[in-house]
């Protein structure tokens, strides 16, 4: 009786309290820098928002979270001011809660499926609370390196220091394994460092996490290319098991007349240049103005979250104009609705139902010829098929065109000098879905290189899942040796 009355005092406040997110910085202010646009929750506001949770019988927020985060319970703990317990519960299922709180498309996952959102009271702002409790935990010193008392003799090699590889490494280290992560870049984090702009995810957040893993005894080998510095077989001989978690980076091409003109770039090239500049690196193509949008008419082609990162980066680089071409309408955009809203606020012009037909110019791109589109009958995916309207073409001026049409896997069997590594017709690595093992014994794969370009939260889940399978595999080998 006492417990239920206490709960009703602390929780179920959604009728009396409205939905509230941390305030955004003003548009003019945030366009002048690359800092995160959302201010931090202060403790009373985080508790207040947490108290709006209805503690429903079937927590759809948790059901629709790829990590099955125990959201209702850590909201309840936050509402009660039990912040260390809230953090411990949050991080027990998520290796990077501070990252997911910032960049997960909560409007499509937990918040979009919140019961009180469906009832018209406005969702609990779960992502903001998740970010708050984790940032508070870092400030209070509750986030500590893994203490390994008795290190196992077995070592695991991980190829790729993105979210899947980092999550797997942490879980393996908790089980006392020696872990070495190999990455082709000079910093760890993958897309978290070089793909996602600072205004969504400041780089100290990622670096702080990777430094914690280093303090936990995980080894990082940077500027290491498998196939060049060592073959996959070499690494397999060096370790008791290998994980491939390289992600997918190869840009999808757009084969149109004029595609070979200068100043047409894939999204990752543009974003990486900007992120490296923000990290203090020398970036020749940015420094000479080629990949700097300042004073230019910029056209971004695509409608996903990467396209939103590109248009919002261009506006911060003081582009003369920024237009986003997308072949469907606003309701059918694959990107986060929240990101589209932020982009619109910042002055990006969306040209809906439009598709590029041709790039014009002498040596450099000068304009894009665009076709108007109408949506026809649904295709195999259930989405209405874009159809070009005859004689509808018109011209948009462009000094810089950024292609954001998605990513495909690289040719890993060729790249890694390992013909036994089987891939699907899409180029993703084939695995046994029960064991997550590839066609090469003792070599596992997880994350985008298996499922195709996806969300960070799914990569973290895959990294956690594959750690269990690697542990089973190594333990099985150990038992056979003993026998």
Protein backbone atom coordinates (compact mmCIF):
# COMPACT_ATOMS: atom_id res chain seq x y z
CA UNK A 1 0.00 0.00 0.00
CA UNK A 2 2.76 2.43 0.98
CA UNK A 3 4.84 1.61 -2.12
CA UNK A 4 1.97 2.19 -4.58
CA UNK A 5 0.95 5.51 -2.98
CA UNK A 6 4.58 6.67 -3.03
CA UNK A 7 4.83 5.72 -6.69
CA UNK A 8 1.70 7.71 -7.55
CA UNK A 9 3.22 10.74 -5.82
CA UNK A 10 6.51 10.41 -7.71
CA UNK A 11 5.25 9.16 -11.08
CA UNK A 12 2.22 9.35 -13.42
CA UNK A 13 2.55 13.15 -13.66
CA UNK A 14 1.85 13.28 -17.40
CA UNK A 15 -1.65 14.71 -16.84
CA UNK A 16 -0.36 17.63 -14.74
CA UNK A 17 3.02 18.19 -16.43
CA UNK A 18 3.54 18.84 -20.13
CA UNK A 19 6.21 17.39 -22.37
CA UNK A 20 9.45 19.36 -22.25
CA UNK A 21 12.81 18.92 -23.94
CA UNK A 22 15.94 20.79 -22.92
CA UNK A 23 15.80 24.20 -24.64
CA UNK A 24 17.50 24.55 -28.01
CA UNK A 25 20.04 27.27 -28.49
CA UNK A 26 18.73 30.10 -30.69
CA UNK A 27 19.00 29.55 -34.45
CA UNK A 28 21.30 32.55 -35.03
CA UNK A 29 23.61 31.49 -32.20
CA UNK A 30 23.82 27.81 -33.15
CA UNK A 31 24.43 28.51 -36.86
CA UNK A 32 27.62 30.36 -35.88
CA UNK A 33 29.33 27.29 -34.39
CA UNK A 34 29.39 23.50 -34.38
CA UNK A 35 28.44 23.02 -30.72
CA UNK A 36 25.51 20.78 -29.73
CA UNK A 37 22.21 22.61 -30.16
CA UNK A 38 20.38 21.23 -27.11
CA UNK A 39 21.23 22.62 -23.69
CA UNK A 40 21.59 20.24 -20.76
CA UNK A 41 18.64 19.36 -18.54
CA UNK A 42 19.06 20.64 -14.99
CA UNK A 43 18.34 18.05 -12.32
CA UNK A 44 14.85 19.25 -11.28
CA UNK A 45 13.68 19.33 -14.91
CA UNK A 46 15.06 15.83 -15.60
CA UNK A 47 13.26 14.51 -12.50
CA UNK A 48 10.10 16.32 -13.57
CA UNK A 49 10.12 14.85 -17.09
CA UNK A 50 10.93 11.38 -15.73
CA UNK A 51 7.95 11.63 -13.38
CA UNK A 52 5.63 11.89 -16.41
CA UNK A 53 6.24 8.21 -17.23
CA UNK A 54 2.97 6.26 -16.92
CA UNK A 55 4.81 3.04 -15.85
CA UNK A 56 2.51 1.15 -18.24
CA UNK A 57 2.05 -2.61 -18.06
CA UNK A 58 3.61 -3.20 -21.49
CA UNK A 59 6.46 -0.68 -21.88
CA UNK A 60 6.38 -0.03 -25.62
CA UNK A 61 9.38 2.32 -25.25
CA UNK A 62 11.44 -0.68 -24.13
CA UNK A 63 9.89 -3.02 -26.71
CA UNK A 64 10.86 -0.64 -29.54
CA UNK A 65 14.40 -0.06 -28.27
CA UNK A 66 16.89 -2.34 -30.10
CA UNK A 67 18.83 -2.71 -26.82
CA UNK A 68 15.68 -3.38 -24.76
CA UNK A 69 16.79 -0.61 -22.38
CA UNK A 70 14.86 -0.76 -19.11
CA UNK A 71 13.51 2.74 -19.67
CA UNK A 72 10.55 2.83 -17.22
CA UNK A 73 12.75 1.74 -14.32
CA UNK A 74 15.52 4.26 -14.91
CA UNK A 75 12.93 7.00 -15.42
CA UNK A 76 11.41 6.06 -12.05
CA UNK A 77 14.83 6.13 -10.36
CA UNK A 78 15.56 9.54 -11.91
CA UNK A 79 12.21 10.91 -10.70
CA UNK A 80 13.12 9.73 -7.20
CA UNK A 81 16.55 11.41 -7.38
CA UNK A 82 18.37 8.03 -7.31
CA UNK A 83 20.67 9.08 -10.14
CA UNK A 84 23.56 6.68 -9.60
CA UNK A 85 21.17 3.72 -9.65
CA UNK A 86 19.49 5.17 -12.75
CA UNK A 87 22.87 5.36 -14.50
CA UNK A 88 23.90 1.84 -13.46
CA UNK A 89 20.64 0.45 -14.84
CA UNK A 90 20.96 2.46 -18.05
CA UNK A 91 24.53 1.35 -18.76
CA UNK A 92 23.81 -2.29 -17.92
CA UNK A 93 22.15 -2.71 -21.34
CA UNK A 94 23.87 0.07 -23.30
CA UNK A 95 27.61 0.58 -23.75
CA UNK A 96 27.16 4.19 -24.91
CA UNK A 97 24.06 5.72 -23.31
CA UNK A 98 25.49 9.23 -23.64
CA UNK A 99 25.80 8.69 -27.42
CA UNK A 100 22.35 7.13 -27.89
CA UNK A 101 20.75 9.88 -25.80
CA UNK A 102 22.11 12.38 -28.32
CA UNK A 103 21.79 10.73 -31.74
CA UNK A 104 19.18 7.95 -31.59
CA UNK A 105 16.08 8.80 -33.63
CA UNK A 106 13.91 8.60 -30.51
CA UNK A 107 10.93 9.92 -32.48
CA UNK A 108 11.02 6.63 -34.46
CA UNK A 109 11.93 4.34 -31.55
CA UNK A 110 11.28 4.75 -27.80
CA UNK A 111 9.59 8.18 -27.72
CA UNK A 112 7.53 7.55 -30.84
CA UNK A 113 6.02 4.48 -29.18
CA UNK A 114 5.49 6.00 -25.71
CA UNK A 115 1.97 5.23 -24.44
CA UNK A 116 1.32 8.78 -23.25
CA UNK A 117 2.44 10.07 -26.67
CA UNK A 118 -0.20 7.84 -28.27
CA UNK A 119 -2.80 9.13 -25.78
CA UNK A 120 -2.13 12.73 -26.80
CA UNK A 121 -0.21 13.91 -23.71
CA UNK A 122 3.18 14.22 -25.43
CA UNK A 123 5.97 11.69 -25.00
CA UNK A 124 8.37 11.51 -22.09
CA UNK A 125 11.61 12.99 -23.50
CA UNK A 126 13.52 9.77 -22.92
CA UNK A 127 16.65 10.64 -24.94
CA UNK A 128 17.22 13.88 -23.04
CA UNK A 129 16.89 12.11 -19.68
CA UNK A 130 19.27 9.36 -20.83
CA UNK A 131 21.84 12.01 -21.79
CA UNK A 132 21.31 13.81 -18.47
CA UNK A 133 21.81 10.79 -16.20
CA UNK A 134 24.95 9.70 -18.11
CA UNK A 135 26.53 13.16 -18.17
CA UNK A 136 25.79 13.45 -14.45
CA UNK A 137 27.45 10.05 -13.92
CA UNK A 138 30.64 11.21 -15.68
CA UNK A 139 30.68 14.41 -13.61
CA UNK A 140 30.23 12.47 -10.36
CA UNK A 141 32.95 9.95 -11.21
CA UNK A 142 30.57 6.98 -11.33
CA UNK A 143 31.84 5.87 -14.77
CA UNK A 144 34.90 3.75 -14.04
CA UNK A 145 37.31 1.62 -16.09
CA UNK A 146 36.86 -2.16 -16.06
CA UNK A 147 38.99 -3.80 -13.39
CA UNK A 148 40.38 -7.14 -14.59
CA UNK A 149 41.61 -9.24 -11.68
CA UNK A 150 42.75 -12.31 -13.56
CA UNK A 151 43.31 -11.81 -17.29
CA UNK A 152 42.60 -14.76 -19.54
CA UNK A 153 45.32 -16.06 -21.85
CA UNK A 154 43.04 -15.84 -24.90
CA UNK A 155 43.06 -12.74 -27.06
CA UNK A 156 40.44 -11.41 -29.47
CA UNK A 157 41.21 -9.17 -32.44
CA UNK A 158 38.56 -6.68 -33.56
CA UNK A 159 38.70 -5.00 -36.97
CA UNK A 160 36.95 -1.64 -36.78
CA UNK A 161 36.69 0.81 -33.87
CA UNK A 162 33.11 1.90 -34.52
CA UNK A 163 30.19 1.33 -32.12
CA UNK A 164 29.84 -2.43 -32.82
CA UNK A 165 33.55 -3.08 -32.29
CA UNK A 166 33.76 -0.87 -29.18
CA UNK A 167 30.68 -2.47 -27.59
CA UNK A 168 31.99 -5.98 -28.24
CA UNK A 169 35.44 -5.07 -26.90
CA UNK A 170 33.96 -3.75 -23.65
CA UNK A 171 31.83 -6.86 -23.10
CA UNK A 172 34.80 -9.17 -23.79
CA UNK A 173 37.04 -7.19 -21.46
CA UNK A 174 34.45 -7.53 -18.69
CA UNK A 175 34.96 -11.28 -19.11
CA UNK A 176 38.74 -10.87 -18.71
CA UNK A 177 39.76 -11.41 -22.35
CA UNK A 178 42.72 -9.65 -23.90
CA UNK A 179 41.34 -7.41 -26.66
CA UNK A 180 43.07 -5.57 -29.50
CA UNK A 181 41.14 -3.25 -31.83
CA UNK A 182 42.59 -2.51 -35.28
CA UNK A 183 41.34 0.53 -37.18
CA UNK A 184 42.32 2.16 -40.46
CA UNK A 185 41.85 5.69 -39.13
CA UNK A 186 44.00 7.72 -36.74
CA UNK A 187 41.24 7.92 -34.10
CA UNK A 188 38.72 5.45 -32.71
CA UNK A 189 34.98 5.87 -33.10
CA UNK A 190 34.34 5.33 -36.81
CA UNK A 191 31.32 7.30 -37.98
CA UNK A 192 30.87 8.70 -34.46
CA UNK A 193 34.08 10.67 -34.96
CA UNK A 194 34.29 11.33 -38.69
CA UNK A 195 30.70 11.05 -39.91
CA UNK A 196 28.41 12.68 -37.34
CA UNK A 197 28.87 16.45 -36.92
CA UNK A 198 29.63 18.10 -33.58
CA UNK A 199 26.27 19.85 -33.37
CA UNK A 200 24.72 16.40 -32.86
CA UNK A 201 27.59 14.67 -31.06
CA UNK A 202 30.57 16.60 -29.72
CA UNK A 203 33.76 14.63 -30.18
CA UNK A 204 34.83 14.74 -26.52
CA UNK A 205 31.87 12.43 -25.81
CA UNK A 206 33.34 9.70 -28.04
CA UNK A 207 36.96 10.31 -27.05
CA UNK A 208 36.07 10.15 -23.37
CA UNK A 209 34.49 6.72 -23.94
CA UNK A 210 37.41 5.30 -25.96
CA UNK A 211 39.90 6.62 -23.37
CA UNK A 212 37.92 4.74 -20.71
CA UNK A 213 38.30 1.53 -22.75
CA UNK A 214 42.05 2.14 -23.05
CA UNK A 215 42.24 2.54 -19.25
CA UNK A 216 40.37 -0.77 -19.05
CA UNK A 217 43.30 -2.47 -20.80
CA UNK A 218 41.90 -2.68 -24.34
CA UNK A 219 44.66 -2.10 -26.92
CA UNK A 220 44.06 0.16 -29.93
CA UNK A 221 46.13 -0.08 -33.13
CA UNK A 222 45.39 2.89 -35.41
CA UNK A 223 46.33 3.56 -39.05
CA UNK A 224 46.16 -0.21 -39.60
CA UNK A 225 44.72 -1.54 -42.86
CA UNK A 226 43.82 -5.21 -43.05
CA UNK A 227 45.08 -6.53 -46.39
CA UNK A 228 47.92 -4.02 -46.42
CA UNK A 229 49.53 -4.18 -42.96
CA UNK A 230 48.40 -7.77 -42.37
CA UNK A 231 45.96 -10.15 -44.04
CA UNK A 232 42.86 -11.48 -42.29
CA UNK A 233 44.67 -14.84 -42.05
CA UNK A 234 47.64 -13.16 -40.31
CA UNK A 235 45.31 -11.65 -37.71
CA UNK A 236 43.45 -14.93 -37.29
CA UNK A 237 46.78 -16.67 -36.56
CA UNK A 238 47.61 -13.96 -34.03
CA UNK A 239 44.34 -14.19 -32.02
CA UNK A 240 41.96 -16.84 -30.69
CA UNK A 241 39.05 -15.24 -32.56
CA UNK A 242 38.45 -12.25 -34.82
CA UNK A 243 35.52 -9.87 -35.18
CA UNK A 244 34.93 -7.93 -38.40
CA UNK A 245 33.03 -4.74 -37.55
CA UNK A 246 34.22 -2.37 -40.25
CA UNK A 247 30.89 -0.71 -41.01
CA UNK A 248 29.96 0.32 -44.55
CA UNK A 249 31.63 3.38 -46.05
CA UNK A 250 31.51 3.08 -49.85
CA UNK A 251 29.23 5.79 -51.23
CA UNK A 252 26.44 4.79 -53.60
CA UNK A 253 27.00 6.39 -56.95
CA UNK A 254 24.60 8.42 -59.07
CA UNK A 255 25.24 7.71 -62.75
CA UNK A 256 23.99 10.83 -64.50
CA UNK A 257 25.37 12.98 -67.30
CA UNK A 258 27.96 15.34 -65.81
CA UNK A 259 28.75 13.11 -62.79
CA UNK A 260 32.45 13.46 -63.56
CA UNK A 261 32.45 17.26 -63.13
CA UNK A 262 34.55 18.72 -60.31
CA UNK A 263 32.97 19.78 -56.99
CA UNK A 264 30.58 16.81 -56.82
CA UNK A 265 31.44 14.83 -53.68
CA UNK A 266 30.13 11.91 -51.62
CA UNK A 267 28.65 12.88 -48.24
CA UNK A 268 31.34 11.17 -46.14
CA UNK A 269 34.13 13.06 -47.89
CA UNK A 270 32.42 16.36 -47.08
CA UNK A 271 31.58 15.43 -43.47
CA UNK A 272 34.99 13.89 -42.74
CA UNK A 273 36.75 17.05 -43.94
CA UNK A 274 34.57 19.19 -41.67
CA UNK A 275 34.97 16.89 -38.65
CA UNK A 276 38.74 16.63 -39.09
CA UNK A 277 38.95 20.41 -39.30
CA UNK A 278 36.96 20.62 -36.06
CA UNK A 279 39.45 18.23 -34.45
CA UNK A 280 42.31 20.55 -35.40
CA UNK A 281 43.71 18.54 -38.33
CA UNK A 282 45.15 20.01 -41.51
CA UNK A 283 42.72 19.19 -44.33
CA UNK A 284 44.08 20.28 -47.70
CA UNK A 285 40.81 20.11 -49.64
CA UNK A 286 39.06 22.14 -46.95
CA UNK A 287 41.88 24.64 -46.53
CA UNK A 288 42.05 25.35 -50.27
CA UNK A 289 38.27 25.95 -50.32
CA UNK A 290 37.23 22.87 -52.32
CA UNK A 291 35.32 21.14 -49.49
CA UNK A 292 34.39 24.36 -47.70
CA UNK A 293 30.81 25.47 -48.44
CA UNK A 294 31.48 29.13 -47.57
CA UNK A 295 29.87 31.49 -50.10
CA UNK A 296 28.65 28.62 -52.30
CA UNK A 297 25.29 27.45 -53.60
CA UNK A 298 25.16 23.96 -52.13
CA UNK A 299 22.85 21.18 -53.32
CA UNK A 300 22.55 18.00 -51.25
CA UNK A 301 20.91 14.97 -52.86
CA UNK A 302 19.20 12.54 -50.45
CA UNK A 303 16.73 12.42 -47.59
CA UNK A 304 18.32 10.39 -44.78
CA UNK A 305 20.05 11.46 -41.58
CA UNK A 306 23.40 11.78 -43.40
CA UNK A 307 21.83 14.26 -45.82
CA UNK A 308 20.57 16.26 -42.81
CA UNK A 309 24.12 16.25 -41.39
CA UNK A 310 25.40 17.61 -44.72
CA UNK A 311 22.87 20.44 -45.12
CA UNK A 312 23.30 21.56 -41.51
CA UNK A 313 27.10 21.44 -41.82
CA UNK A 314 26.97 23.53 -45.02
CA UNK A 315 24.83 26.22 -43.37
CA UNK A 316 27.37 26.47 -40.51
CA UNK A 317 30.17 26.86 -43.04
CA UNK A 318 28.32 29.99 -44.24
CA UNK A 319 27.06 28.66 -47.57
CA UNK A 320 25.30 31.21 -49.76
CA UNK A 321 22.31 28.85 -50.11
CA UNK A 322 21.60 25.23 -49.17
CA UNK A 323 19.00 23.11 -50.96
CA UNK A 324 18.10 19.49 -50.25
CA UNK A 325 16.66 17.51 -53.17
CA UNK A 326 14.55 14.52 -52.22
CA UNK A 327 12.51 12.40 -54.59
CA UNK A 328 9.64 11.77 -52.17
CA UNK A 329 7.65 14.14 -49.94
CA UNK A 330 8.30 15.19 -46.35
CA UNK A 331 6.06 12.47 -44.89
CA UNK A 332 8.11 9.77 -46.65
CA UNK A 333 11.58 10.94 -45.69
CA UNK A 334 13.73 8.19 -44.14
CA UNK A 335 15.56 10.65 -41.86
CA UNK A 336 14.53 11.76 -38.39
CA UNK A 337 11.61 14.24 -38.41
CA UNK A 338 13.37 16.07 -35.58
CA UNK A 339 16.46 16.59 -37.74
CA UNK A 340 14.35 17.86 -40.65
CA UNK A 341 12.71 20.37 -38.32
CA UNK A 342 16.11 21.54 -37.04
CA UNK A 343 17.33 21.94 -40.62
CA UNK A 344 14.26 23.94 -41.64
CA UNK A 345 14.72 26.25 -38.64
CA UNK A 346 18.31 26.86 -39.71
CA UNK A 347 17.31 28.03 -43.18
CA UNK A 348 17.75 24.95 -45.36
CA UNK A 349 15.38 24.81 -48.33
CA UNK A 350 13.85 21.40 -49.00
CA UNK A 351 12.92 20.74 -52.61
CA UNK A 352 10.46 17.86 -52.22
CA UNK A 353 9.42 15.49 -55.00
CA UNK A 354 12.46 16.30 -57.08
CA UNK A 355 15.24 14.22 -58.60
CA UNK A 356 18.49 15.23 -60.36
CA UNK A 357 18.60 14.46 -64.09
CA UNK A 358 21.89 16.01 -65.14
CA UNK A 359 24.84 18.03 -63.84
CA UNK A 360 25.82 21.02 -65.96
CA UNK A 361 29.14 22.88 -66.20
CA UNK A 362 32.40 23.09 -68.12
CA UNK A 363 35.00 21.66 -65.76
CA UNK A 364 33.21 22.29 -62.46
CA UNK A 365 29.54 21.83 -61.69
CA UNK A 366 27.55 25.03 -62.22
CA UNK A 367 23.95 23.82 -62.02
CA UNK A 368 21.75 20.77 -61.56
CA UNK A 369 18.94 19.92 -63.94
CA UNK A 370 16.05 18.62 -61.86
CA UNK A 371 12.96 16.58 -62.70
CA UNK A 372 9.73 16.99 -60.80
CA UNK A 373 8.37 13.76 -59.32
CA UNK A 374 4.94 12.35 -58.54
CA UNK A 375 4.33 9.38 -56.23
CA UNK A 376 2.76 6.40 -57.98
CA UNK A 377 1.73 2.95 -56.80
CA UNK A 378 3.54 1.32 -53.86
CA UNK A 379 6.72 -0.65 -54.65
CA UNK A 380 7.89 -3.92 -53.05
CA UNK A 381 8.79 -2.07 -49.83
CA UNK A 382 5.25 -0.64 -49.54
CA UNK A 383 6.39 2.92 -50.24
CA UNK A 384 4.87 4.80 -53.16
CA UNK A 385 7.12 4.67 -56.19
CA UNK A 386 8.64 7.98 -57.41
CA UNK A 387 7.76 8.66 -61.08
CA UNK A 388 9.20 11.45 -63.21
CA UNK A 389 6.69 13.99 -64.52
CA UNK A 390 7.28 14.40 -68.26
CA UNK A 391 8.76 17.77 -69.40
CA UNK A 392 8.93 19.04 -65.81
CA UNK A 393 12.68 19.70 -65.68
CA UNK A 394 14.17 22.95 -64.39
CA UNK A 395 17.58 24.29 -63.32
CA UNK A 396 19.07 24.91 -59.84
CA UNK A 397 22.39 26.77 -59.52
CA UNK A 398 25.08 24.78 -57.73
CA UNK A 399 28.76 25.39 -56.92
CA UNK A 400 29.01 22.30 -54.69
CA UNK A 401 26.94 19.10 -54.95
CA UNK A 402 26.95 16.52 -52.16
CA UNK A 403 25.65 13.01 -52.86
CA UNK A 404 23.99 11.39 -49.87
CA UNK A 405 22.39 8.29 -51.36
CA UNK A 406 23.46 5.72 -48.80
CA UNK A 407 26.43 3.42 -48.29
CA UNK A 408 27.50 0.02 -49.58
CA UNK A 409 30.11 -2.40 -48.22
CA UNK A 410 33.62 -2.49 -49.61
CA UNK A 411 34.84 -5.70 -51.29
CA UNK A 412 36.18 -7.26 -48.09
CA UNK A 413 37.27 -10.68 -49.48
CA UNK A 414 39.52 -8.83 -51.94
CA UNK A 415 40.52 -6.09 -49.48
CA UNK A 416 41.42 -8.58 -46.73
CA UNK A 417 43.11 -11.10 -49.09
CA UNK A 418 40.70 -13.79 -47.91
CA UNK A 419 38.77 -15.57 -50.66
CA UNK A 420 37.09 -17.88 -48.10
CA UNK A 421 35.15 -14.93 -46.69
CA UNK A 422 31.67 -15.24 -48.19
CA UNK A 423 29.46 -12.21 -48.85
CA UNK A 424 25.82 -11.72 -49.82
CA UNK A 425 24.60 -10.38 -53.17
CA UNK A 426 24.64 -6.93 -51.51
CA UNK A 427 28.30 -7.31 -50.49
CA UNK A 428 27.59 -7.61 -46.76
CA UNK A 429 29.43 -10.35 -44.87
CA UNK A 430 27.52 -13.65 -44.64
CA UNK A 431 27.18 -15.06 -41.14
CA UNK A 432 25.45 -17.94 -39.43
CA UNK A 433 22.70 -15.98 -37.66
CA UNK A 434 22.78 -18.27 -34.62
CA UNK A 435 26.53 -18.12 -34.00
CA UNK A 436 27.36 -14.86 -35.90
CA UNK A 437 30.40 -16.72 -37.32
CA UNK A 438 31.45 -16.07 -40.92
CA UNK A 439 32.48 -18.70 -43.47
CA UNK A 440 36.04 -18.45 -42.05
CA UNK A 441 36.32 -20.51 -38.83
CA UNK A 442 36.85 -18.35 -35.74
CA UNK A 443 36.04 -15.13 -37.61
CA UNK A 444 32.83 -13.36 -36.62
CA UNK A 445 31.08 -10.28 -38.02
CA UNK A 446 28.63 -7.73 -36.62
CA UNK A 447 27.16 -4.29 -37.20
CA UNK A 448 26.60 -2.55 -40.51
CA UNK A 449 28.96 -4.87 -42.38
CA UNK A 450 26.34 -7.59 -41.78
CA UNK A 451 23.01 -5.71 -41.71
CA UNK A 452 23.89 -2.84 -44.10
CA UNK A 453 23.91 0.86 -43.18
CA UNK A 454 21.81 1.23 -40.04
CA UNK A 455 21.56 3.00 -36.68
CA UNK A 456 24.28 3.27 -34.03
CA UNK A 457 21.96 1.63 -31.49
CA UNK A 458 21.68 -1.48 -33.69
CA UNK A 459 25.48 -1.62 -34.04
CA UNK A 460 25.82 -1.54 -30.24
CA UNK A 461 23.29 -4.37 -29.92
CA UNK A 462 25.12 -6.45 -32.54
CA UNK A 463 28.43 -5.83 -30.75
CA UNK A 464 26.96 -7.04 -27.47
CA UNK A 465 25.37 -10.09 -29.10
CA UNK A 466 28.51 -11.14 -30.95
CA UNK A 467 30.58 -10.94 -27.75
CA UNK A 468 28.40 -13.72 -26.30
CA UNK A 469 29.03 -15.88 -29.38
CA UNK A 470 32.79 -15.26 -29.33
CA UNK A 471 32.92 -16.24 -25.65
CA UNK A 472 31.02 -19.47 -26.39
CA UNK A 473 33.38 -20.25 -29.26
CA UNK A 474 36.59 -19.65 -27.26
CA UNK A 475 35.27 -21.56 -24.22
CA UNK A 476 34.36 -24.48 -26.48
CA UNK A 477 37.90 -24.53 -27.96
CA UNK A 478 39.37 -24.39 -24.45
CA UNK A 479 37.29 -27.38 -23.31
CA UNK A 480 38.42 -29.40 -26.32
CA UNK A 481 42.07 -28.63 -25.50
CA UNK A 482 41.58 -29.74 -21.88
CA UNK A 483 39.82 -32.91 -23.01
